[in-house]
Amino acid sequence: MKVFSDIAPTPTPFTFSLHSINDCDSQFFYPNQLSIIFIESGLGSAKINDKHFNFFGPAVICLNEVECLTISKDKHFSGKILSFVPGAIKEYFNFKNLRDLDHSFTPNDIGLAIYLSIFFQRFPNYVGYVPTSEPLMKQFNKLLTDLLNYKSSLNCVSNILTEILSHIKRLVQSILSLENVIITETNFEIKDVLMYLHNNCQQKITIPGLSKQFHVNRTTLSDKFFEATGETIITYLNKYRIYLAAIMLRESNYSISSIAEEVGFNDTAYFAKLFKKYMFHTPSGYRQHYVALCQVT
């Protein structure tokens, strides 16, 4: 089990640690710390305590001080692990007053505590894991480099961690806004199908092709998938593609046609039609709305 027991205690509350994931790592548990696992590449199956999910990079996983991540199946899994104590954000933050949202908190404290809620709040479609985009992962890596460069400045550490948390909080909010995009618990066979869809969503995917890939009758495959997810395979795939597109619209300057192609749509008009159906905005309208919200906040 990978445990950060080798971190020496310090008299300040501004402890943080940054490490690369090793090939042999299969369990991650960081008592008395908050941890973010940045998955740069790879895919697999995992669980946080007793909650199962599929993962694929790029993505982030947020663990609180009592959660253990176990990787049960992975392929080309790589990334970084950032662990820190709550006091790295505010010196008087601790696990108890963050969970209780202490009544003595200032409005600024409450705003920071809301960012930290990504470690404590769990929902059926958010167990601590959330996919991200390549542009945002590059931004995370830049911020992690900055964190190491400015580790001697307590204010800089706090500000950089807060910026990282703000990005992740927006990702979590987006995943909660689109129900049934990610399934956290289902049977093993369908988990493999979901993993395949996630990892190959940029490619052309058909029911006959999936049937051949998994050596199962297409009717049986479709019926089992619907039973497990409540969606047809194509509807699920399209929702998932739109979800990824929404992240890219928010976190990158890529053109709409480039984003459509990146998530698996050859027809930009059809992409725009589906995007409006699921996100209630056109792609350009969604991007403008998000930029406006950021300017207000």
C-alpha atoms as a PDB file:
ATOM      1  CA  MET A   1       0.000   0.000   0.000  1.00  0.00           C
ATOM      2  CA  LYS A   2       1.296   3.414  -0.964  1.00  0.00           C
ATOM      3  CA  VAL A   3       1.231   5.560   2.205  1.00  0.00           C
ATOM      4  CA  PHE A   4       2.786   8.961   2.779  1.00  0.00           C
ATOM      5  CA  SER A   5       4.111   7.912   6.174  1.00  0.00           C
ATOM      6  CA  ASP A   6       7.579   9.018   5.082  1.00  0.00           C
ATOM      7  CA  ILE A   7       6.612  12.699   5.240  1.00  0.00           C
ATOM      8  CA  ALA A   8       8.326  14.223   8.243  1.00  0.00           C
ATOM      9  CA  PRO A   9       6.077  16.308  10.509  1.00  0.00           C
ATOM     10  CA  THR A  10       6.749  20.043  10.376  1.00  0.00           C
ATOM     11  CA  PRO A  11       5.812  22.856  12.749  1.00  0.00           C
ATOM     12  CA  THR A  12       3.896  24.673  10.012  1.00  0.00           C
ATOM     13  CA  PRO A  13       0.520  23.680   8.548  1.00  0.00           C
ATOM     14  CA  PHE A  14       1.746  24.200   4.998  1.00  0.00           C
ATOM     15  CA  THR A  15       2.880  20.654   4.255  1.00  0.00           C
ATOM     16  CA  PHE A  16       2.479  19.385   0.712  1.00  0.00           C
ATOM     17  CA  SER A  17       4.072  16.575  -1.240  1.00  0.00           C
ATOM     18  CA  LEU A  18       4.291  15.918  -4.978  1.00  0.00           C
ATOM     19  CA  HIS A  19       5.290  12.537  -6.438  1.00  0.00           C
ATOM     20  CA  SER A  20       5.027  10.632  -9.690  1.00  0.00           C
ATOM     21  CA  ILE A  21       2.920   7.492  -9.881  1.00  0.00           C
ATOM     22  CA  ASN A  22       5.027   4.321  -9.995  1.00  0.00           C
ATOM     23  CA  ASP A  23       4.223   1.336 -12.189  1.00  0.00           C
ATOM     24  CA  CYS A  24       3.794  -0.874  -9.118  1.00  0.00           C
ATOM     25  CA  ASP A  25       1.320   1.415  -7.347  1.00  0.00           C
ATOM     26  CA  SER A  26      -2.095  -0.179  -6.969  1.00  0.00           C
ATOM     27  CA  GLN A  27      -3.315   1.359  -3.691  1.00  0.00           C
ATOM     28  CA  PHE A  28      -3.231   4.986  -2.627  1.00  0.00           C
ATOM     29  CA  PHE A  29      -4.025   6.040   0.928  1.00  0.00           C
ATOM     30  CA  TYR A  30      -2.911   9.303   2.517  1.00  0.00           C
ATOM     31  CA  PRO A  31      -4.151   9.624   6.126  1.00  0.00           C
ATOM     32  CA  ASN A  32      -4.472  13.137   7.558  1.00  0.00           C
ATOM     33  CA  GLN A  33      -4.065  14.708   4.118  1.00  0.00           C
ATOM     34  CA  LEU A  34      -6.097  15.720   1.096  1.00  0.00           C
ATOM     35  CA  SER A  35      -4.815  14.232  -2.134  1.00  0.00           C
ATOM     36  CA  ILE A  36      -5.241  14.838  -5.843  1.00  0.00           C
ATOM     37  CA  ILE A  37      -4.162  12.161  -8.292  1.00  0.00           C
ATOM     38  CA  PHE A  38      -3.544  13.624 -11.732  1.00  0.00           C
ATOM     39  CA  ILE A  39      -3.993  10.848 -14.309  1.00  0.00           C
ATOM     40  CA  GLU A  40      -2.115  12.021 -17.380  1.00  0.00           C
ATOM     41  CA  SER A  41      -2.674   8.862 -19.422  1.00  0.00           C
ATOM     42  CA  GLY A  42      -4.028   5.339 -19.182  1.00  0.00           C
ATOM     43  CA  LEU A  43      -7.300   3.707 -18.335  1.00  0.00           C
ATOM     44  CA  GLY A  44      -8.637   1.045 -16.030  1.00  0.00           C
ATOM     45  CA  SER A  45     -11.025   0.086 -13.236  1.00  0.00           C
ATOM     46  CA  ALA A  46     -10.756   1.249  -9.657  1.00  0.00           C
ATOM     47  CA  LYS A  47     -12.635   1.830  -6.443  1.00  0.00           C
ATOM     48  CA  ILE A  48     -12.560   4.449  -3.710  1.00  0.00           C
ATOM     49  CA  ASN A  49     -13.381   2.526  -0.544  1.00  0.00           C
ATOM     50  CA  ASP A  50     -16.407   0.529  -1.803  1.00  0.00           C
ATOM     51  CA  LYS A  51     -17.373   2.744  -4.775  1.00  0.00           C
ATOM     52  CA  HIS A  52     -16.367   1.274  -8.140  1.00  0.00           C
ATOM     53  CA  PHE A  53     -15.714   3.286 -11.302  1.00  0.00           C
ATOM     54  CA  ASN A  54     -13.798   3.240 -14.585  1.00  0.00           C
ATOM     55  CA  PHE A  55     -11.070   5.788 -15.212  1.00  0.00           C
ATOM     56  CA  PHE A  56      -9.179   7.081 -18.219  1.00  0.00           C
ATOM     57  CA  GLY A  57      -6.722   9.889 -18.695  1.00  0.00           C
ATOM     58  CA  PRO A  58      -6.553  12.768 -18.617  1.00  0.00           C
ATOM     59  CA  ALA A  59      -8.474  12.972 -15.343  1.00  0.00           C
ATOM     60  CA  VAL A  60      -8.182  13.800 -11.652  1.00  0.00           C
ATOM     61  CA  ILE A  61      -9.132  11.827  -8.554  1.00  0.00           C
ATOM     62  CA  CYS A  62      -9.708  13.621  -5.236  1.00  0.00           C
ATOM     63  CA  LEU A  63      -9.268  11.684  -1.977  1.00  0.00           C
ATOM     64  CA  ASN A  64      -9.991  12.867   1.538  1.00  0.00           C
ATOM     65  CA  GLU A  65      -8.118  11.697   4.627  1.00  0.00           C
ATOM     66  CA  VAL A  66     -10.119   8.472   5.099  1.00  0.00           C
ATOM     67  CA  GLU A  67     -10.461   7.325   1.496  1.00  0.00           C
ATOM     68  CA  CYS A  68      -8.374   4.622  -0.135  1.00  0.00           C
ATOM     69  CA  LEU A  69      -8.048   4.312  -3.909  1.00  0.00           C
ATOM     70  CA  THR A  70      -7.493   0.765  -5.202  1.00  0.00           C
ATOM     71  CA  ILE A  71      -6.638   0.143  -8.851  1.00  0.00           C
ATOM     72  CA  SER A  72      -7.990  -3.257  -9.869  1.00  0.00           C
ATOM     73  CA  LYS A  73      -7.207  -3.073 -13.576  1.00  0.00           C
ATOM     74  CA  ASP A  74      -5.113  -0.605 -15.519  1.00  0.00           C
ATOM     75  CA  LYS A  75      -3.321   0.001 -18.802  1.00  0.00           C
ATOM     76  CA  HIS A  76      -0.491   2.525 -19.247  1.00  0.00           C
ATOM     77  CA  PHE A  77      -1.425   4.342 -16.024  1.00  0.00           C
ATOM     78  CA  SER A  78       0.777   7.392 -15.349  1.00  0.00           C
ATOM     79  CA  GLY A  79       0.541  10.707 -13.568  1.00  0.00           C
ATOM     80  CA  LYS A  80       1.327  12.631 -10.395  1.00  0.00           C
ATOM     81  CA  ILE A  81       0.070  12.714  -6.810  1.00  0.00           C
ATOM     82  CA  LEU A  82      -0.298  15.943  -4.852  1.00  0.00           C
ATOM     83  CA  SER A  83      -1.024  15.675  -1.116  1.00  0.00           C
ATOM     84  CA  PHE A  84      -1.451  18.516   1.337  1.00  0.00           C
ATOM     85  CA  VAL A  85      -2.982  19.363   4.693  1.00  0.00           C
ATOM     86  CA  PRO A  86      -6.038  21.672   4.841  1.00  0.00           C
ATOM     87  CA  GLY A  87      -3.893  24.285   6.588  1.00  0.00           C
ATOM     88  CA  ALA A  88      -2.003  24.773   3.328  1.00  0.00           C
ATOM     89  CA  ILE A  89      -5.045  26.757   2.144  1.00  0.00           C
ATOM     90  CA  LYS A  90      -5.801  28.572   5.406  1.00  0.00           C
ATOM     91  CA  GLU A  91      -3.683  27.979   8.504  1.00  0.00           C
ATOM     92  CA  TYR A  92      -6.742  27.369  10.705  1.00  0.00           C
ATOM     93  CA  PHE A  93      -8.490  24.975   8.315  1.00  0.00           C
ATOM     94  CA  ASN A  94      -8.786  21.386   9.545  1.00  0.00           C
ATOM     95  CA  PHE A  95     -10.890  18.376   8.632  1.00  0.00           C
ATOM     96  CA  LYS A  96     -13.482  19.033  11.331  1.00  0.00           C
ATOM     97  CA  ASN A  97     -14.227  22.689  10.623  1.00  0.00           C
ATOM     98  CA  LEU A  98     -14.251  22.072   6.869  1.00  0.00           C
ATOM     99  CA  ARG A  99     -16.746  19.230   7.190  1.00  0.00           C
ATOM    100  CA  ASP A 100     -18.896  21.263   9.597  1.00  0.00           C
ATOM    101  CA  LEU A 101     -18.488  24.518   7.619  1.00  0.00           C
ATOM    102  CA  ASP A 102     -17.610  26.339  10.840  1.00  0.00           C
ATOM    103  CA  HIS A 103     -19.943  29.242  11.710  1.00  0.00           C
ATOM    104  CA  SER A 104     -16.923  31.456  12.446  1.00  0.00           C
ATOM    105  CA  PHE A 105     -15.759  31.282   8.824  1.00  0.00           C
ATOM    106  CA  THR A 106     -15.608  34.558   6.917  1.00  0.00           C
ATOM    107  CA  PRO A 107     -17.267  34.801   3.462  1.00  0.00           C
ATOM    108  CA  ASN A 108     -13.815  34.271   1.925  1.00  0.00           C
ATOM    109  CA  ASP A 109     -13.294  31.194   4.111  1.00  0.00           C
ATOM    110  CA  ILE A 110     -16.628  29.797   2.961  1.00  0.00           C
ATOM    111  CA  GLY A 111     -15.638  30.297  -0.678  1.00  0.00           C
ATOM    112  CA  LEU A 112     -12.417  28.369  -0.105  1.00  0.00           C
ATOM    113  CA  ALA A 113     -14.266  25.670   1.832  1.00  0.00           C
ATOM    114  CA  ILE A 114     -16.605  25.240  -1.145  1.00  0.00           C
ATOM    115  CA  TYR A 115     -13.578  24.558  -3.349  1.00  0.00           C
ATOM    116  CA  LEU A 116     -12.428  21.962  -0.810  1.00  0.00           C
ATOM    117  CA  SER A 117     -15.859  20.286  -0.885  1.00  0.00           C
ATOM    118  CA  ILE A 118     -14.597  18.259  -3.869  1.00  0.00           C
ATOM    119  CA  PHE A 119     -12.856  16.068  -1.275  1.00  0.00           C
ATOM    120  CA  PHE A 120     -15.873  15.530   0.972  1.00  0.00           C
ATOM    121  CA  GLN A 121     -19.074  15.593  -1.095  1.00  0.00           C
ATOM    122  CA  ARG A 122     -19.935  12.450  -3.005  1.00  0.00           C
ATOM    123  CA  PHE A 123     -22.795  11.820  -5.446  1.00  0.00           C
ATOM    124  CA  PRO A 124     -23.927   8.882  -7.605  1.00  0.00           C
ATOM    125  CA  ASN A 125     -22.035  10.297 -10.620  1.00  0.00           C
ATOM    126  CA  TYR A 126     -19.141  11.819  -8.643  1.00  0.00           C
ATOM    127  CA  VAL A 127     -17.210   9.515  -6.334  1.00  0.00           C
ATOM    128  CA  GLY A 128     -14.044  11.618  -6.395  1.00  0.00           C
ATOM    129  CA  TYR A 129     -13.105  10.964 -10.028  1.00  0.00           C
ATOM    130  CA  VAL A 130     -13.657  13.410 -12.891  1.00  0.00           C
ATOM    131  CA  PRO A 131     -12.279  13.429 -16.467  1.00  0.00           C
ATOM    132  CA  THR A 132     -10.570  16.531 -17.759  1.00  0.00           C
ATOM    133  CA  SER A 133      -9.038  17.710 -21.044  1.00  0.00           C
ATOM    134  CA  GLU A 134      -5.501  17.756 -22.439  1.00  0.00           C
ATOM    135  CA  PRO A 135      -5.302  21.586 -22.299  1.00  0.00           C
ATOM    136  CA  LEU A 136      -6.371  21.644 -18.663  1.00  0.00           C
ATOM    137  CA  MET A 137      -3.945  18.855 -17.747  1.00  0.00           C
ATOM    138  CA  LYS A 138      -1.164  20.982 -19.257  1.00  0.00           C
ATOM    139  CA  GLN A 139      -2.349  23.845 -17.066  1.00  0.00           C
ATOM    140  CA  PHE A 140      -2.317  21.564 -14.015  1.00  0.00           C
ATOM    141  CA  ASN A 141       1.264  20.534 -14.791  1.00  0.00           C
ATOM    142  CA  LYS A 142       2.298  24.183 -15.068  1.00  0.00           C
ATOM    143  CA  LEU A 143       0.685  24.933 -11.703  1.00  0.00           C
ATOM    144  CA  LEU A 144       2.424  21.933 -10.119  1.00  0.00           C
ATOM    145  CA  THR A 145       5.755  23.217 -11.418  1.00  0.00           C
ATOM    146  CA  ASP A 146       4.943  26.638  -9.964  1.00  0.00           C
ATOM    147  CA  LEU A 147       4.087  24.970  -6.671  1.00  0.00           C
ATOM    148  CA  LEU A 148       7.569  23.459  -6.444  1.00  0.00           C
ATOM    149  CA  ASN A 149       9.246  26.691  -7.519  1.00  0.00           C
ATOM    150  CA  TYR A 150       7.426  28.758  -4.875  1.00  0.00           C
ATOM    151  CA  LYS A 151       7.217  26.176  -2.086  1.00  0.00           C
ATOM    152  CA  SER A 152       9.030  28.491   0.341  1.00  0.00           C
ATOM    153  CA  SER A 153       6.284  31.126   0.070  1.00  0.00           C
ATOM    154  CA  LEU A 154       3.211  30.240   2.138  1.00  0.00           C
ATOM    155  CA  ASN A 155       1.010  32.709   0.268  1.00  0.00           C
ATOM    156  CA  CYS A 156       2.106  31.388  -3.121  1.00  0.00           C
ATOM    157  CA  VAL A 157       1.460  27.785  -2.065  1.00  0.00           C
ATOM    158  CA  SER A 158      -2.030  28.712  -0.888  1.00  0.00           C
ATOM    159  CA  ASN A 159      -2.828  30.667  -4.066  1.00  0.00           C
ATOM    160  CA  ILE A 160      -1.570  27.951  -6.415  1.00  0.00           C
ATOM    161  CA  LEU A 161      -3.467  25.210  -4.559  1.00  0.00           C
ATOM    162  CA  THR A 162      -6.606  27.365  -4.644  1.00  0.00           C
ATOM    163  CA  GLU A 163      -6.288  27.807  -8.413  1.00  0.00           C
ATOM    164  CA  ILE A 164      -5.927  24.049  -8.883  1.00  0.00           C
ATOM    165  CA  LEU A 165      -8.985  23.446  -6.704  1.00  0.00           C
ATOM    166  CA  SER A 166     -11.047  26.037  -8.574  1.00  0.00           C
ATOM    167  CA  HIS A 167     -10.420  24.246 -11.884  1.00  0.00           C
ATOM    168  CA  ILE A 168     -11.391  20.882 -10.397  1.00  0.00           C
ATOM    169  CA  LYS A 169     -14.486  22.345  -8.738  1.00  0.00           C
ATOM    170  CA  ARG A 170     -15.729  23.548 -12.138  1.00  0.00           C
ATOM    171  CA  LEU A 171     -15.140  20.081 -13.585  1.00  0.00           C
ATOM    172  CA  VAL A 172     -17.174  18.529 -10.771  1.00  0.00           C
ATOM    173  CA  GLN A 173     -19.989  21.034 -11.264  1.00  0.00           C
ATOM    174  CA  SER A 174     -20.133  20.160 -14.944  1.00  0.00           C
ATOM    175  CA  ILE A 175     -20.277  16.434 -14.289  1.00  0.00           C
ATOM    176  CA  LEU A 176     -23.139  16.942 -11.855  1.00  0.00           C
ATOM    177  CA  SER A 177     -25.039  18.977 -14.445  1.00  0.00           C
ATOM    178  CA  LEU A 178     -25.205  16.106 -16.921  1.00  0.00           C
ATOM    179  CA  GLU A 179     -26.776  13.046 -15.341  1.00  0.00           C
ATOM    180  CA  ASN A 180     -25.937   9.491 -16.356  1.00  0.00           C
ATOM    181  CA  VAL A 181     -22.793  10.443 -18.262  1.00  0.00           C
ATOM    182  CA  ILE A 182     -20.561   8.351 -16.029  1.00  0.00           C
ATOM    183  CA  ILE A 183     -21.809   5.136 -14.470  1.00  0.00           C
ATOM    184  CA  THR A 184     -20.165   4.292 -11.152  1.00  0.00           C
ATOM    185  CA  GLU A 185     -21.540   0.812 -10.534  1.00  0.00           C
ATOM    186  CA  THR A 186     -22.602  -1.863 -12.978  1.00  0.00           C
ATOM    187  CA  ASN A 187     -21.681  -5.410 -13.887  1.00  0.00           C
ATOM    188  CA  PHE A 188     -18.129  -6.339 -14.956  1.00  0.00           C
ATOM    189  CA  GLU A 189     -18.932  -7.025 -18.606  1.00  0.00           C
ATOM    190  CA  ILE A 190     -20.557  -3.639 -19.118  1.00  0.00           C
ATOM    191  CA  LYS A 191     -17.690  -1.949 -17.273  1.00  0.00           C
ATOM    192  CA  ASP A 192     -15.405  -3.231 -20.023  1.00  0.00           C
ATOM    193  CA  VAL A 193     -17.755  -1.843 -22.673  1.00  0.00           C
ATOM    194  CA  LEU A 194     -17.859   1.535 -20.911  1.00  0.00           C
ATOM    195  CA  MET A 195     -14.078   1.585 -20.682  1.00  0.00           C
ATOM    196  CA  TYR A 196     -13.874   0.870 -24.399  1.00  0.00           C
ATOM    197  CA  LEU A 197     -16.358   3.645 -25.222  1.00  0.00           C
ATOM    198  CA  HIS A 198     -14.471   6.153 -23.054  1.00  0.00           C
ATOM    199  CA  ASN A 199     -11.095   5.282 -24.524  1.00  0.00           C
ATOM    200  CA  ASN A 200     -12.239   5.192 -28.152  1.00  0.00           C
ATOM    201  CA  CYS A 201     -14.949   7.861 -28.234  1.00  0.00           C
ATOM    202  CA  GLN A 202     -13.030   9.810 -30.902  1.00  0.00           C
ATOM    203  CA  GLN A 203     -13.358   6.850 -33.264  1.00  0.00           C
ATOM    204  CA  LYS A 204     -16.361   5.640 -35.239  1.00  0.00           C
ATOM    205  CA  ILE A 205     -18.225   3.180 -33.001  1.00  0.00           C
ATOM    206  CA  THR A 206     -21.082   0.952 -34.161  1.00  0.00           C
ATOM    207  CA  ILE A 207     -23.174  -1.698 -32.435  1.00  0.00           C
ATOM    208  CA  PRO A 208     -22.000  -4.431 -34.860  1.00  0.00           C
ATOM    209  CA  GLY A 209     -18.406  -3.363 -34.211  1.00  0.00           C
ATOM    210  CA  LEU A 210     -18.888  -3.517 -30.431  1.00  0.00           C
ATOM    211  CA  SER A 211     -20.613  -6.866 -30.758  1.00  0.00           C
ATOM    212  CA  LYS A 212     -17.589  -8.221 -32.616  1.00  0.00           C
ATOM    213  CA  GLN A 213     -15.147  -6.592 -30.185  1.00  0.00           C
ATOM    214  CA  PHE A 214     -16.750  -8.235 -27.135  1.00  0.00           C
ATOM    215  CA  HIS A 215     -17.839 -11.499 -28.797  1.00  0.00           C
ATOM    216  CA  VAL A 216     -21.476 -11.089 -27.840  1.00  0.00           C
ATOM    217  CA  ASN A 217     -24.742 -10.995 -29.748  1.00  0.00           C
ATOM    218  CA  ARG A 218     -25.659  -7.385 -30.589  1.00  0.00           C
ATOM    219  CA  THR A 219     -29.155  -7.720 -29.117  1.00  0.00           C
ATOM    220  CA  THR A 220     -27.769  -9.155 -25.875  1.00  0.00           C
ATOM    221  CA  LEU A 221     -25.161  -6.401 -25.710  1.00  0.00           C
ATOM    222  CA  SER A 222     -27.730  -3.640 -26.290  1.00  0.00           C
ATOM    223  CA  ASP A 223     -30.165  -5.096 -23.758  1.00  0.00           C
ATOM    224  CA  LYS A 224     -27.522  -5.547 -21.056  1.00  0.00           C
ATOM    225  CA  PHE A 225     -26.144  -2.065 -21.639  1.00  0.00           C
ATOM    226  CA  PHE A 226     -29.582  -0.473 -21.351  1.00  0.00           C
ATOM    227  CA  GLU A 227     -30.329  -2.483 -18.208  1.00  0.00           C
ATOM    228  CA  ALA A 228     -27.096  -1.307 -16.576  1.00  0.00           C
ATOM    229  CA  THR A 229     -27.105   2.352 -17.643  1.00  0.00           C
ATOM    230  CA  GLY A 230     -30.669   3.279 -18.551  1.00  0.00           C
ATOM    231  CA  GLU A 231     -29.379   4.489 -21.935  1.00  0.00           C
ATOM    232  CA  THR A 232     -28.876   2.996 -25.377  1.00  0.00           C
ATOM    233  CA  ILE A 233     -25.225   2.619 -26.337  1.00  0.00           C
ATOM    234  CA  ILE A 234     -25.374   5.421 -28.919  1.00  0.00           C
ATOM    235  CA  THR A 235     -27.213   7.816 -26.594  1.00  0.00           C
ATOM    236  CA  TYR A 236     -24.695   7.163 -23.816  1.00  0.00           C
ATOM    237  CA  LEU A 237     -21.776   7.629 -26.216  1.00  0.00           C
ATOM    238  CA  ASN A 238     -23.177  10.891 -27.579  1.00  0.00           C
ATOM    239  CA  LYS A 239     -23.831  12.251 -24.073  1.00  0.00           C
ATOM    240  CA  TYR A 240     -20.322  11.371 -23.080  1.00  0.00           C
ATOM    241  CA  ARG A 241     -18.857  13.034 -26.155  1.00  0.00           C
ATOM    242  CA  ILE A 242     -20.881  16.188 -25.454  1.00  0.00           C
ATOM    243  CA  TYR A 243     -19.676  16.179 -21.857  1.00  0.00           C
ATOM    244  CA  LEU A 244     -16.040  16.089 -23.010  1.00  0.00           C
ATOM    245  CA  ALA A 245     -16.763  18.821 -25.558  1.00  0.00           C
ATOM    246  CA  ALA A 246     -18.184  21.032 -22.808  1.00  0.00           C
ATOM    247  CA  ILE A 247     -14.932  20.701 -20.855  1.00  0.00           C
ATOM    248  CA  MET A 248     -12.896  21.633 -23.917  1.00  0.00           C
ATOM    249  CA  LEU A 249     -15.122  24.622 -24.695  1.00  0.00           C
ATOM    250  CA  ARG A 250     -14.552  25.924 -21.170  1.00  0.00           C
ATOM    251  CA  GLU A 251     -10.895  25.091 -20.737  1.00  0.00           C
ATOM    252  CA  SER A 252      -9.381  25.652 -24.208  1.00  0.00           C
ATOM    253  CA  ASN A 253      -9.432  28.039 -27.149  1.00  0.00           C
ATOM    254  CA  TYR A 254      -9.898  25.277 -29.717  1.00  0.00           C
ATOM    255  CA  SER A 255     -12.359  26.026 -32.505  1.00  0.00           C
ATOM    256  CA  ILE A 256     -15.799  24.423 -32.333  1.00  0.00           C
ATOM    257  CA  SER A 257     -15.087  22.326 -35.429  1.00  0.00           C
ATOM    258  CA  SER A 258     -11.817  21.098 -33.905  1.00  0.00           C
ATOM    259  CA  ILE A 259     -13.558  20.177 -30.662  1.00  0.00           C
ATOM    260  CA  ALA A 260     -16.317  18.355 -32.552  1.00  0.00           C
ATOM    261  CA  GLU A 261     -13.707  16.308 -34.401  1.00  0.00           C
ATOM    262  CA  GLU A 262     -11.699  15.716 -31.218  1.00  0.00           C
ATOM    263  CA  VAL A 263     -14.664  14.090 -29.450  1.00  0.00           C
ATOM    264  CA  GLY A 264     -15.742  11.972 -32.413  1.00  0.00           C
ATOM    265  CA  PHE A 265     -18.135  14.036 -34.572  1.00  0.00           C
ATOM    266  CA  ASN A 266     -17.376  14.437 -38.283  1.00  0.00           C
ATOM    267  CA  ASP A 267     -20.455  16.619 -38.827  1.00  0.00           C
ATOM    268  CA  THR A 268     -20.164  19.960 -36.975  1.00  0.00           C
ATOM    269  CA  ALA A 269     -23.840  20.781 -37.543  1.00  0.00           C
ATOM    270  CA  TYR A 270     -24.929  17.485 -35.982  1.00  0.00           C
ATOM    271  CA  PHE A 271     -22.534  18.075 -33.100  1.00  0.00           C
ATOM    272  CA  ALA A 272     -24.060  21.532 -32.514  1.00  0.00           C
ATOM    273  CA  LYS A 273     -27.578  20.057 -32.583  1.00  0.00           C
ATOM    274  CA  LEU A 274     -26.744  17.395 -30.001  1.00  0.00           C
ATOM    275  CA  PHE A 275     -24.830  19.884 -27.846  1.00  0.00           C
ATOM    276  CA  LYS A 276     -27.841  22.174 -27.618  1.00  0.00           C
ATOM    277  CA  LYS A 277     -30.084  19.194 -26.829  1.00  0.00           C
ATOM    278  CA  TYR A 278     -28.013  18.120 -23.830  1.00  0.00           C
ATOM    279  CA  MET A 279     -26.458  21.398 -22.646  1.00  0.00           C
ATOM    280  CA  PHE A 280     -29.304  23.818 -23.548  1.00  0.00           C
ATOM    281  CA  HIS A 281     -26.897  26.147 -25.372  1.00  0.00           C
ATOM    282  CA  THR A 282     -25.199  26.159 -28.734  1.00  0.00           C
ATOM    283  CA  PRO A 283     -21.470  25.422 -28.431  1.00  0.00           C
ATOM    284  CA  SER A 284     -20.562  29.079 -29.009  1.00  0.00           C
ATOM    285  CA  GLY A 285     -23.327  30.227 -26.661  1.00  0.00           C
ATOM    286  CA  TYR A 286     -22.107  27.826 -23.977  1.00  0.00           C
ATOM    287  CA  ARG A 287     -18.552  29.147 -24.252  1.00  0.00           C
ATOM    288  CA  GLN A 288     -19.716  32.789 -24.125  1.00  0.00           C
ATOM    289  CA  HIS A 289     -21.966  32.057 -21.138  1.00  0.00           C
ATOM    290  CA  TYR A 290     -19.119  30.411 -19.264  1.00  0.00           C
ATOM    291  CA  VAL A 291     -16.685  33.270 -19.985  1.00  0.00           C
ATOM    292  CA  ALA A 292     -19.292  35.753 -18.749  1.00  0.00           C
ATOM    293  CA  LEU A 293     -19.796  33.798 -15.522  1.00  0.00           C
ATOM    294  CA  CYS A 294     -16.031  33.724 -14.901  1.00  0.00           C
ATOM    295  CA  GLN A 295     -15.828  37.484 -15.364  1.00  0.00           C
ATOM    296  CA  VAL A 296     -18.628  38.027 -12.864  1.00  0.00           C
ATOM    297  CA  THR A 297     -17.021  35.773 -10.222  1.00  0.00           C
END
